Structure formats: C-alpha cells, structure tokens
Amino acid sequence: MGLREQLNKRDFRRLIVGQTVSSFGDWMGTLALMYFVLELSDSTTAVGGVLVLRLLPSALGAPVAARVVTRWRRRSVMMWATLVQTGMALALPIVPWLVWVYFWAFMIEVAGLIFLPARDASIPFLIEDEENRHDTGTLEIANGITMATSYGMIPVGAGAFGLILLFSENIGLHGNWRYAVVFWLDALTYLACYFAIRSIPDLGPGPAERREMERTEQEASPRGLLSAVRLPVVRGVLPGVAVVALGLGALFSLGVVFVRNVLTAGPVGFGTLVVLFGVGALVGLLIIHRKVRKLSVQIRVGTAVQGVVIFLMALLGTVAWAFIGAVLFGAAATSALVGGITYLQEALSGVNRNLALTAFHAVLRFGMALAALLAGAAADLLRKAGTAPLGLSPSQFVLAMSGLVVLFGASLIHVPGNGGTPSK
C-alpha cells in the first residue's frame, strides 16, 4: 500500500492533518521562544537555557508520560494534551518574566512528550485492514508520512516566523508583542490539532490489544519505563536512537556558528541548509516507499550514513558539500528513525508498545538536548583556549568528532530477530 492509499484512509488523513498543523506551530514557536528569551535577557546563556527545556521534560516527564499513555485511551490522551498546550501557549508571552516563560515552555514540552507515544501507538490501529492486519511496508510508509509532516515543517515554520515578525513590525507591533503574536498563532495550531483528533471516532486500542493490555497492565505499570528498557527489542533500538539524537543535537547547536564562521554563508545560507534538511527527509521517505529493506539494516545504515556525512561536512568545510550533506543527512535521519519506530510498533503491542514508544521519544529528545549542550560547551572551551586541533576551527573539530561518535555508535545497534517482520 502506497502513499496515496494511506492518505485515502479518512481517519489516518485527519491525524496527519492535525499533526502537520501542530508541527508547523511547534517549529514556529520554538524559534519565537529563542528570540523572545534573548529579547528578555540579552544573554546567549539564557538562550542556551531553551535547550535545557528540551532536556528536562524527557528526564523528569517521561515516567509521567509512561503512566498516562498506558492508563488512558489514546484519543483522550491526545485531545487533552493538545488542549492543555493551547492554554499554555496563550499564557506563555503574557508576563515578560524569564522564569514565567521557562516554566510554560517546560510544561508544553511535557505535554508534547505525552502526546507523541500516544500518536505513534495509534498509527498501527488506523492502518489495519478489515481483518485487523497490517504489513511492515505499509506501517513504515505510514510512519514515514508522520515523521515527514513533523520535521518537514521546520523550514516552513522558520519562514512563517520571519514573515510574522515582519508583518507585526509593519502594523506597529514592536518588542515583546511581536513574539506574542507568534505564540498565540501557535496556540491556534494546537487547537486545530485538537479538533482534527476529536473528529476521529477511535484511535484504539482495539479489542485484541485491550485484552492483552488487561493481562499485562498489572505487571507493567509499577515498573514504568524500566519495563520497556528491559525488553531486548527496546535495548536493541535505543542505541540507534541515541546516536541519531547525537548527530541532530550537534548540528542544532553548532549549525549557525559553522555556517557563519566556516562557510561564511550568513543567514541565507543557514536557511538554505534547513530547507535542504527538510528536502532530505522527504527523499528518505521516498526511498522507504520504493523499497522496504530489513529494518535492522535500515536503522544501522541510516545511522552510519549520518556519521559519515557529519564528519565530511566538518572536515571539508565547503558550501557545496554542506548543501549536499544536508540532503543526505535528512534522508539518513528519516530512514533510521522511521525504521526504529516501525520496529517497535511491529515487535510489541499493548502496554509494552506504549512504554517502548515513550522511551523512544524520551531518549530522542534527551539525547538531542544533551548533545546540543555538550557540543556547544566543547566548542566554547576550544575557542576560549585559542586552539585549533588538526588545523580545524572549534565548531569544525567538534562536529567532526560528533560524526565519528555517531559512526561508532552505529556498530552498537543490535536489533534482535530478523529486523523485517519481528514477532510479538
């Protein structure tokens, strides 16, 4: 079953529409948050605190998310999460106080961490046929569509953020009010997602899955996420998620400095890189659509390609390779992450699937934030020391080392089973 057949499924299409609109608002709001914090504090350190907000919900909120997604029906979880995020986004810019802004930004991330595993656990239910079956290829395409609508909104959200600021200034809005407009539009996208999910009659679990959940809930609930980490399937996938997050986090942290100081490309060059990353994500989706390989191989190859691309991008330091690398990186990241999500969905069900998907998103978000903080700190230390290891600038050297770590991490991925159609 291909892209067109998937999008013709009414309820899956509604979920994707809601996801797309919400992701657009998320990325627009993320940029607004960074600039808003800079406006309030005039401190780059305070802007770095935004990255911590991405880290803490995964560390502190994951156990809460695990309990919520295993106790409530997915439709209710997703509706309440988006409704709560709507109110939080409205409240965030009202008080121009840094602690107030940090608090609501943190809570929005916690709600997002609850939303994502419920969404991913709903996808197999939505694409099942009349006999409650689905194949690996169909599930992977559905996951690819979901991820493409999420990360494909990065350049769109960035562009919209710039246009909104320009429009706000033209109508006489200045200072903090420019960012308030962005956050309130972000709130509207959460609300649109709420109504899209509300229009879906059921997101599961189905009868068979409910029976399994009833059998396993008493055993799984007290242990929370620890029960997921103990599963061989999860232990096999999470190293891949962690190293993918390392690559994403390093690029997120050092990308602007690398483009400005090494490529001397300026804001337009950085914007082009972001757009090409989104293009690469779509390319990765098309590759998955054309040919389904063993998921274990797909995860390892996608992760290894990321490491090679990051290393060469840093080492060569040319605009041409950076643009080509952005496409390759986006395709490889999409392939690895979609493969990981699909494997967990196929290999597990019921409570274990919900917990595993929560662990997946917690590791991905925690890893990205931690890598961004460490990469930025390492580059700062090298710059202050005035050193140029191997003749490379600090951002180049740290990116190159990150690429090698990602490449080495790919060898640690050992997915149990055949990696194609894992047994439950």
Protein backbone atom coordinates (compact mmCIF):
# COMPACT_ATOMS: atom_id res chain seq x y z
CA MET A 1 0.00 0.00 0.00
CA GLY A 2 1.49 3.34 -1.08
CA LEU A 3 1.30 6.98 -0.09
CA ARG A 4 -1.96 7.65 -1.92
CA GLU A 5 -3.70 4.64 -0.37
CA GLN A 6 -2.58 5.66 3.11
CA LEU A 7 -3.79 9.23 2.71
CA ASN A 8 -7.12 7.95 1.42
CA LYS A 9 -7.79 6.42 4.82
CA ARG A 10 -10.03 9.09 6.32
CA ASP A 11 -9.04 8.82 9.97
CA PHE A 12 -5.32 8.48 9.21
CA ARG A 13 -5.58 11.55 6.98
CA ARG A 14 -7.23 13.52 9.77
CA LEU A 15 -4.45 12.57 12.17
CA ILE A 16 -1.83 13.65 9.63
CA VAL A 17 -3.57 16.98 9.02
CA GLY A 18 -3.68 17.68 12.74
CA GLN A 19 -0.03 16.59 13.13
CA THR A 20 1.08 18.81 10.24
CA VAL A 21 -0.64 21.93 11.54
CA SER A 22 0.60 21.32 15.08
CA SER A 23 4.20 20.70 13.91
CA PHE A 24 4.11 23.93 11.92
CA GLY A 25 3.16 25.78 15.10
CA ASP A 26 5.78 23.90 17.14
CA TRP A 27 8.71 24.93 14.96
CA MET A 28 7.43 28.46 14.61
CA GLY A 29 7.05 28.66 18.39
CA THR A 30 10.49 27.16 19.02
CA LEU A 31 12.19 29.95 17.06
CA ALA A 32 9.97 32.54 18.73
CA LEU A 33 10.93 31.14 22.14
CA MET A 34 14.66 31.51 21.45
CA TYR A 35 14.31 35.08 20.21
CA PHE A 36 11.85 36.00 22.98
CA VAL A 37 14.26 34.77 25.64
CA LEU A 38 17.08 36.74 24.01
CA GLU A 39 14.86 39.85 23.99
CA LEU A 40 14.07 39.44 27.71
CA SER A 41 17.57 38.60 28.93
CA ASP A 42 20.02 39.94 26.33
CA SER A 43 22.02 36.83 27.20
CA THR A 44 23.18 33.99 24.97
CA THR A 45 23.45 31.83 28.09
CA ALA A 46 19.74 32.33 28.72
CA VAL A 47 19.04 31.29 25.14
CA GLY A 48 21.06 28.15 25.85
CA GLY A 49 18.58 27.52 28.66
CA VAL A 50 15.98 26.89 25.97
CA LEU A 51 17.91 23.70 25.14
CA VAL A 52 17.66 22.63 28.76
CA LEU A 53 13.89 22.94 28.45
CA ARG A 54 14.10 20.28 25.76
CA LEU A 55 16.13 18.05 28.08
CA LEU A 56 14.30 18.25 31.39
CA PRO A 57 10.85 17.06 30.21
CA SER A 58 12.42 13.88 28.87
CA ALA A 59 14.29 13.24 32.11
CA LEU A 60 11.52 14.21 34.54
CA GLY A 61 8.33 13.88 32.49
CA ALA A 62 8.92 10.50 30.83
CA PRO A 63 7.73 8.43 33.84
CA VAL A 64 4.56 10.54 34.00
CA ALA A 65 4.05 10.15 30.25
CA ALA A 66 4.51 6.39 30.53
CA ARG A 67 1.73 6.11 33.11
CA VAL A 68 -0.65 8.36 31.19
CA VAL A 69 -0.33 6.58 27.83
CA THR A 70 -0.83 3.17 29.43
CA ARG A 71 -3.86 4.11 31.55
CA TRP A 72 -5.93 6.36 29.28
CA ARG A 73 -7.35 5.79 25.81
CA ARG A 74 -5.12 7.30 23.14
CA ARG A 75 -7.78 9.62 21.74
CA SER A 76 -8.35 11.14 25.16
CA VAL A 77 -4.60 11.48 25.81
CA MET A 78 -4.01 13.30 22.52
CA MET A 79 -7.05 15.56 22.86
CA TRP A 80 -6.21 16.63 26.39
CA ALA A 81 -2.51 17.11 25.57
CA THR A 82 -3.27 19.45 22.66
CA LEU A 83 -5.94 21.31 24.61
CA VAL A 84 -3.56 21.87 27.52
CA GLN A 85 -0.83 23.02 25.12
CA THR A 86 -3.27 25.56 23.65
CA GLY A 87 -3.75 27.20 27.03
CA MET A 88 -0.04 27.12 27.83
CA ALA A 89 0.94 28.76 24.54
CA LEU A 90 -1.60 31.51 25.19
CA ALA A 91 -0.24 32.09 28.71
CA LEU A 92 3.49 31.98 27.87
CA PRO A 93 4.01 35.53 26.46
CA ILE A 94 1.60 37.33 28.78
CA VAL A 95 4.16 38.01 31.53
CA PRO A 96 7.57 39.17 30.21
CA TRP A 97 9.46 37.43 33.01
CA LEU A 98 12.11 34.83 32.20
CA VAL A 99 11.10 32.34 34.89
CA TRP A 100 7.45 32.54 33.75
CA VAL A 101 8.46 31.90 30.13
CA TYR A 102 10.73 28.99 31.08
CA PHE A 103 8.01 27.37 33.18
CA TRP A 104 5.36 27.35 30.46
CA ALA A 105 7.85 26.30 27.79
CA PHE A 106 8.82 23.37 30.01
CA MET A 107 5.19 22.35 30.56
CA ILE A 108 4.47 22.50 26.81
CA GLU A 109 7.32 20.04 26.27
CA VAL A 110 5.95 17.69 28.95
CA ALA A 111 2.55 17.69 27.25
CA GLY A 112 4.26 17.02 23.92
CA LEU A 113 6.11 14.05 25.41
CA ILE A 114 2.73 12.61 26.45
CA PHE A 115 1.19 13.27 23.02
CA LEU A 116 3.87 11.63 20.85
CA PRO A 117 3.81 7.99 22.09
CA ALA A 118 0.00 8.04 22.04
CA ARG A 119 0.15 9.24 18.42
CA ASP A 120 2.67 6.59 17.38
CA ALA A 121 0.73 3.80 19.11
CA SER A 122 -2.40 4.92 17.19
CA ILE A 123 -0.87 4.51 13.74
CA PRO A 124 -0.94 0.68 13.54
CA PHE A 125 -4.59 0.78 14.65
CA LEU A 126 -5.52 3.32 11.96
CA ILE A 127 -3.93 1.43 9.06
CA GLU A 128 -5.25 -2.03 9.89
CA ASP A 129 -7.44 -3.67 7.26
CA GLU A 130 -10.81 -5.28 7.81
CA GLU A 131 -9.10 -8.33 9.34
CA ASN A 132 -7.08 -6.22 11.80
CA ARG A 133 -3.82 -6.84 9.95
CA HIS A 134 -1.06 -4.67 8.53
CA ASP A 135 2.31 -5.42 6.92
CA THR A 136 5.69 -3.93 7.74
CA GLY A 137 5.95 -1.97 4.49
CA THR A 138 2.57 -0.32 4.98
CA LEU A 139 3.35 0.56 8.60
CA GLU A 140 6.74 2.01 7.63
CA ILE A 141 5.17 4.22 4.96
CA ALA A 142 2.62 5.48 7.50
CA ASN A 143 5.41 6.26 9.99
CA GLY A 144 7.38 7.98 7.25
CA ILE A 145 4.42 10.19 6.40
CA THR A 146 4.01 11.08 10.07
CA MET A 147 7.69 11.95 10.52
CA ALA A 148 7.84 13.89 7.25
CA THR A 149 4.92 16.06 8.32
CA SER A 150 6.71 16.73 11.59
CA TYR A 151 10.27 17.53 10.52
CA GLY A 152 9.22 18.76 7.08
CA MET A 153 7.61 21.71 8.85
CA ILE A 154 10.99 23.02 10.09
CA PRO A 155 11.67 25.27 7.08
CA VAL A 156 8.00 26.24 6.77
CA GLY A 157 7.79 27.23 10.44
CA ALA A 158 11.07 29.15 10.20
CA GLY A 159 9.83 31.06 7.17
CA ALA A 160 6.48 31.81 8.78
CA PHE A 161 8.22 33.10 11.91
CA GLY A 162 10.19 35.62 9.84
CA LEU A 163 7.13 36.74 7.90
CA ILE A 164 5.07 37.20 11.07
CA LEU A 165 7.79 39.34 12.66
CA LEU A 166 7.98 41.45 9.50
CA PHE A 167 4.20 41.83 9.34
CA SER A 168 3.99 42.69 13.05
CA GLU A 169 6.55 45.45 12.68
CA ASN A 170 4.74 46.86 9.63
CA ILE A 171 1.49 47.19 11.58
CA GLY A 172 3.23 48.90 14.50
CA LEU A 173 3.87 46.00 16.89
CA HIS A 174 7.31 46.12 18.48
CA GLY A 175 9.21 44.49 21.34
CA ASN A 176 7.62 41.54 23.12
CA TRP A 177 4.30 41.88 21.30
CA ARG A 178 5.87 40.60 18.08
CA TYR A 179 6.58 37.27 19.75
CA ALA A 180 3.21 37.18 21.50
CA VAL A 181 1.55 37.10 18.07
CA VAL A 182 3.63 34.04 17.12
CA PHE A 183 2.82 32.18 20.35
CA TRP A 184 -0.88 32.89 20.00
CA LEU A 185 -0.85 31.60 16.43
CA ASP A 186 0.97 28.55 17.78
CA ALA A 187 -1.91 28.12 20.24
CA LEU A 188 -4.35 28.13 17.33
CA THR A 189 -2.41 25.31 15.65
CA TYR A 190 -2.71 23.21 18.81
CA LEU A 191 -6.44 23.91 18.83
CA ALA A 192 -6.73 22.89 15.17
CA CYS A 193 -4.95 19.62 16.03
CA TYR A 194 -7.42 19.08 18.89
CA PHE A 195 -10.41 19.34 16.56
CA ALA A 196 -8.76 17.09 13.98
CA ILE A 197 -8.26 14.36 16.60
CA ARG A 198 -11.71 14.92 18.01
CA SER A 199 -13.16 14.14 14.56
CA ILE A 200 -11.59 10.66 14.65
CA PRO A 201 -14.08 8.21 16.24
CA ASP A 202 -11.49 5.81 17.66
CA LEU A 203 -7.71 5.61 17.95
CA GLY A 204 -7.55 2.29 19.73
CA PRO A 205 -6.58 0.17 21.39
CA GLY A 206 -8.66 -2.45 19.58
CA PRO A 207 -10.35 -5.41 21.29
CA ALA A 208 -7.38 -7.78 20.98
CA GLU A 209 -4.94 -5.16 22.20
CA ARG A 210 -7.21 -4.23 25.11
CA ARG A 211 -7.29 -7.85 26.24
CA GLU A 212 -3.51 -8.02 26.14
CA MET A 213 -3.21 -4.72 27.99
CA GLU A 214 -5.50 -6.03 30.72
CA ARG A 215 -3.29 -9.10 31.09
CA THR A 216 -0.04 -7.14 31.28
CA GLU A 217 -1.05 -3.86 32.92
CA GLN A 218 -0.78 -5.11 36.47
CA GLU A 219 2.76 -6.35 35.86
CA ALA A 220 3.98 -3.41 33.73
CA SER A 221 2.54 -0.36 35.44
CA PRO A 222 4.53 -0.39 38.69
CA ARG A 223 7.81 -0.55 36.78
CA GLY A 224 7.03 2.18 34.31
CA LEU A 225 9.74 2.83 31.74
CA LEU A 226 12.09 0.30 33.32
CA SER A 227 9.92 -2.49 31.95
CA ALA A 228 10.44 -1.14 28.42
CA VAL A 229 14.22 -0.83 28.82
CA ARG A 230 14.38 -4.46 29.96
CA LEU A 231 12.89 -5.66 26.67
CA PRO A 232 15.57 -6.91 24.20
CA VAL A 233 13.74 -5.21 21.32
CA VAL A 234 13.93 -1.82 23.04
CA ARG A 235 17.54 -2.27 24.14
CA GLY A 236 18.42 -3.03 20.54
CA VAL A 237 16.75 0.08 19.10
CA LEU A 238 17.56 2.73 21.72
CA PRO A 239 21.34 2.92 20.99
CA GLY A 240 20.41 3.83 17.42
CA VAL A 241 18.02 6.50 18.63
CA ALA A 242 20.67 7.87 20.97
CA VAL A 243 23.35 8.26 18.29
CA VAL A 244 20.88 9.75 15.80
CA ALA A 245 19.98 12.25 18.52
CA LEU A 246 23.68 12.97 19.00
CA GLY A 247 24.05 13.93 15.35
CA LEU A 248 20.91 16.05 15.33
CA GLY A 249 21.84 17.79 18.58
CA ALA A 250 25.39 18.62 17.47
CA LEU A 251 24.15 20.13 14.21
CA PHE A 252 21.42 22.04 16.03
CA SER A 253 23.91 23.54 18.46
CA LEU A 254 26.80 24.32 16.10
CA GLY A 255 24.98 24.85 12.80
CA VAL A 256 24.64 28.62 12.99
CA VAL A 257 28.28 29.13 14.08
CA PHE A 258 29.54 26.65 11.47
CA VAL A 259 27.66 28.38 8.65
CA ARG A 260 28.70 31.85 9.77
CA ASN A 261 32.37 31.27 10.61
CA VAL A 262 33.40 28.33 8.41
CA LEU A 263 31.14 28.53 5.37
CA THR A 264 30.80 32.35 5.58
CA ALA A 265 27.33 31.86 4.13
CA GLY A 266 25.31 34.06 6.50
CA PRO A 267 21.64 33.72 7.50
CA VAL A 268 20.54 32.91 3.94
CA GLY A 269 22.99 30.00 3.83
CA PHE A 270 21.75 28.65 7.15
CA GLY A 271 18.15 28.95 5.98
CA THR A 272 19.06 27.04 2.84
CA LEU A 273 20.63 24.27 4.92
CA VAL A 274 17.45 23.97 6.98
CA VAL A 275 15.32 23.76 3.84
CA LEU A 276 17.62 21.12 2.33
CA PHE A 277 17.40 19.09 5.53
CA GLY A 278 13.63 19.04 5.05
CA VAL A 279 14.12 18.04 1.41
CA GLY A 280 16.35 15.20 2.58
CA ALA A 281 13.65 14.00 4.96
CA LEU A 282 11.24 13.76 2.03
CA VAL A 283 13.88 11.93 -0.02
CA GLY A 284 14.27 9.44 2.81
CA LEU A 285 10.52 8.89 2.83
CA LEU A 286 10.51 8.23 -0.92
CA ILE A 287 13.38 5.74 -0.59
CA ILE A 288 11.45 3.87 2.10
CA HIS A 289 8.35 3.96 -0.10
CA ARG A 290 10.17 2.48 -3.09
CA LYS A 291 11.80 -0.45 -1.34
CA VAL A 292 11.32 -1.93 2.12
CA ARG A 293 14.51 -3.48 3.49
CA LYS A 294 15.19 -5.25 6.72
CA LEU A 295 14.50 -2.72 9.46
CA SER A 296 17.64 -3.71 11.38
CA VAL A 297 19.81 -2.96 8.34
CA GLN A 298 17.90 0.24 7.62
CA ILE A 299 18.50 1.55 11.16
CA ARG A 300 22.20 0.74 11.13
CA VAL A 301 22.88 2.05 7.62
CA GLY A 302 20.88 5.24 8.20
CA THR A 303 22.80 5.92 11.40
CA ALA A 304 26.20 5.18 9.84
CA VAL A 305 25.49 7.47 6.87
CA GLN A 306 24.69 10.28 9.30
CA GLY A 307 28.07 9.87 10.97
CA VAL A 308 29.96 9.91 7.66
CA VAL A 309 28.04 12.97 6.41
CA ILE A 310 28.66 14.98 9.61
CA PHE A 311 32.36 14.08 9.60
CA LEU A 312 32.87 15.05 5.94
CA MET A 313 30.74 18.18 6.28
CA ALA A 314 33.00 19.38 9.11
CA LEU A 315 36.26 18.24 7.54
CA LEU A 316 35.69 19.70 4.07
CA GLY A 317 34.01 22.92 5.23
CA THR A 318 32.64 23.86 1.79
CA VAL A 319 29.23 25.29 0.93
CA ALA A 320 28.67 22.77 -1.88
CA TRP A 321 29.29 19.72 0.34
CA ALA A 322 27.32 21.24 3.21
CA PHE A 323 24.27 21.59 0.93
CA ILE A 324 24.67 18.07 -0.43
CA GLY A 325 25.31 16.76 3.07
CA ALA A 326 22.15 18.40 4.41
CA VAL A 327 20.05 16.39 1.95
CA LEU A 328 21.91 13.15 2.72
CA PHE A 329 21.70 13.80 6.46
CA GLY A 330 17.95 14.44 6.34
CA ALA A 331 17.37 11.26 4.32
CA ALA A 332 19.55 9.14 6.62
CA ALA A 333 17.96 10.51 9.82
CA THR A 334 14.46 9.88 8.49
CA SER A 335 15.35 6.35 7.42
CA ALA A 336 16.89 5.45 10.80
CA LEU A 337 14.15 6.99 12.96
CA VAL A 338 11.26 5.63 10.88
CA GLY A 339 12.89 2.21 10.97
CA GLY A 340 13.19 2.37 14.76
CA ILE A 341 9.59 3.42 15.33
CA THR A 342 8.29 0.80 12.89
CA TYR A 343 10.30 -1.96 14.53
CA LEU A 344 8.94 -1.14 17.98
CA GLN A 345 5.37 -0.98 16.66
CA GLU A 346 5.75 -4.32 14.88
CA ALA A 347 7.63 -6.14 17.62
CA LEU A 348 5.45 -5.04 20.55
CA SER A 349 1.83 -4.40 21.39
CA GLY A 350 -0.35 -3.28 24.27
CA VAL A 351 1.34 -1.78 27.32
CA ASN A 352 4.83 -2.72 26.14
CA ARG A 353 4.35 -0.88 22.87
CA ASN A 354 3.14 2.27 24.65
CA LEU A 355 6.06 2.19 27.08
CA ALA A 356 8.60 1.47 24.33
CA LEU A 357 7.40 4.41 22.23
CA THR A 358 7.56 6.66 25.28
CA ALA A 359 11.15 5.54 25.87
CA PHE A 360 11.92 6.14 22.17
CA HIS A 361 10.79 9.77 22.27
CA ALA A 362 12.35 10.38 25.69
CA VAL A 363 15.77 9.16 24.50
CA LEU A 364 15.48 11.10 21.24
CA ARG A 365 14.62 14.40 22.95
CA PHE A 366 17.01 13.93 25.86
CA GLY A 367 19.82 12.93 23.51
CA MET A 368 19.31 15.89 21.19
CA ALA A 369 19.29 18.38 24.05
CA LEU A 370 22.26 16.82 25.87
CA ALA A 371 24.30 16.60 22.66
CA ALA A 372 23.49 20.22 21.80
CA LEU A 373 24.62 21.39 25.23
CA LEU A 374 27.83 19.33 25.23
CA ALA A 375 28.75 20.23 21.64
CA GLY A 376 28.21 23.92 22.29
CA ALA A 377 30.19 23.80 25.54
CA ALA A 378 33.07 21.91 23.90
CA ALA A 379 33.28 24.43 21.05
CA ASP A 380 33.23 27.31 23.54
CA LEU A 381 36.06 25.78 25.57
CA LEU A 382 38.21 25.29 22.47
CA ARG A 383 37.52 28.84 21.30
CA LYS A 384 38.41 30.34 24.69
CA ALA A 385 41.62 28.28 24.78
CA GLY A 386 42.52 29.63 21.35
CA THR A 387 43.33 26.16 20.00
CA ALA A 388 42.72 24.78 16.51
CA PRO A 389 43.00 20.96 16.73
CA LEU A 390 44.19 19.46 13.42
CA GLY A 391 44.00 22.93 11.94
CA LEU A 392 40.20 22.99 12.28
CA SER A 393 38.08 25.68 13.88
CA PRO A 394 36.37 24.72 17.18
CA SER A 395 32.96 24.16 15.55
CA GLN A 396 34.55 22.09 12.75
CA PHE A 397 36.51 19.90 15.15
CA VAL A 398 33.57 19.24 17.47
CA LEU A 399 31.29 18.42 14.51
CA ALA A 400 33.91 16.07 13.07
CA MET A 401 34.28 14.26 16.40
CA SER A 402 30.49 14.05 16.70
CA GLY A 403 30.36 12.40 13.28
CA LEU A 404 32.92 9.79 14.34
CA VAL A 405 30.98 9.06 17.55
CA VAL A 406 27.77 8.61 15.55
CA LEU A 407 29.59 6.28 13.12
CA PHE A 408 30.97 4.23 16.01
CA GLY A 409 27.54 4.21 17.67
CA ALA A 410 26.03 2.57 14.59
CA SER A 411 28.08 -0.55 15.39
CA LEU A 412 26.38 -0.77 18.80
CA ILE A 413 22.92 -1.24 17.27
CA HIS A 414 21.88 -4.88 17.55
CA VAL A 415 18.20 -5.35 16.73
CA PRO A 416 17.01 -8.82 17.75
CA GLY A 417 15.18 -11.02 15.28
CA ASN A 418 15.30 -10.68 11.51
CA GLY A 419 14.58 -6.96 11.57
CA GLY A 420 11.88 -7.22 8.94
CA THR A 421 8.73 -8.62 10.44
CA PRO A 422 9.55 -9.13 14.10
CA SER A 423 7.36 -11.37 16.16
CA LYS A 424 5.41 -10.04 19.09
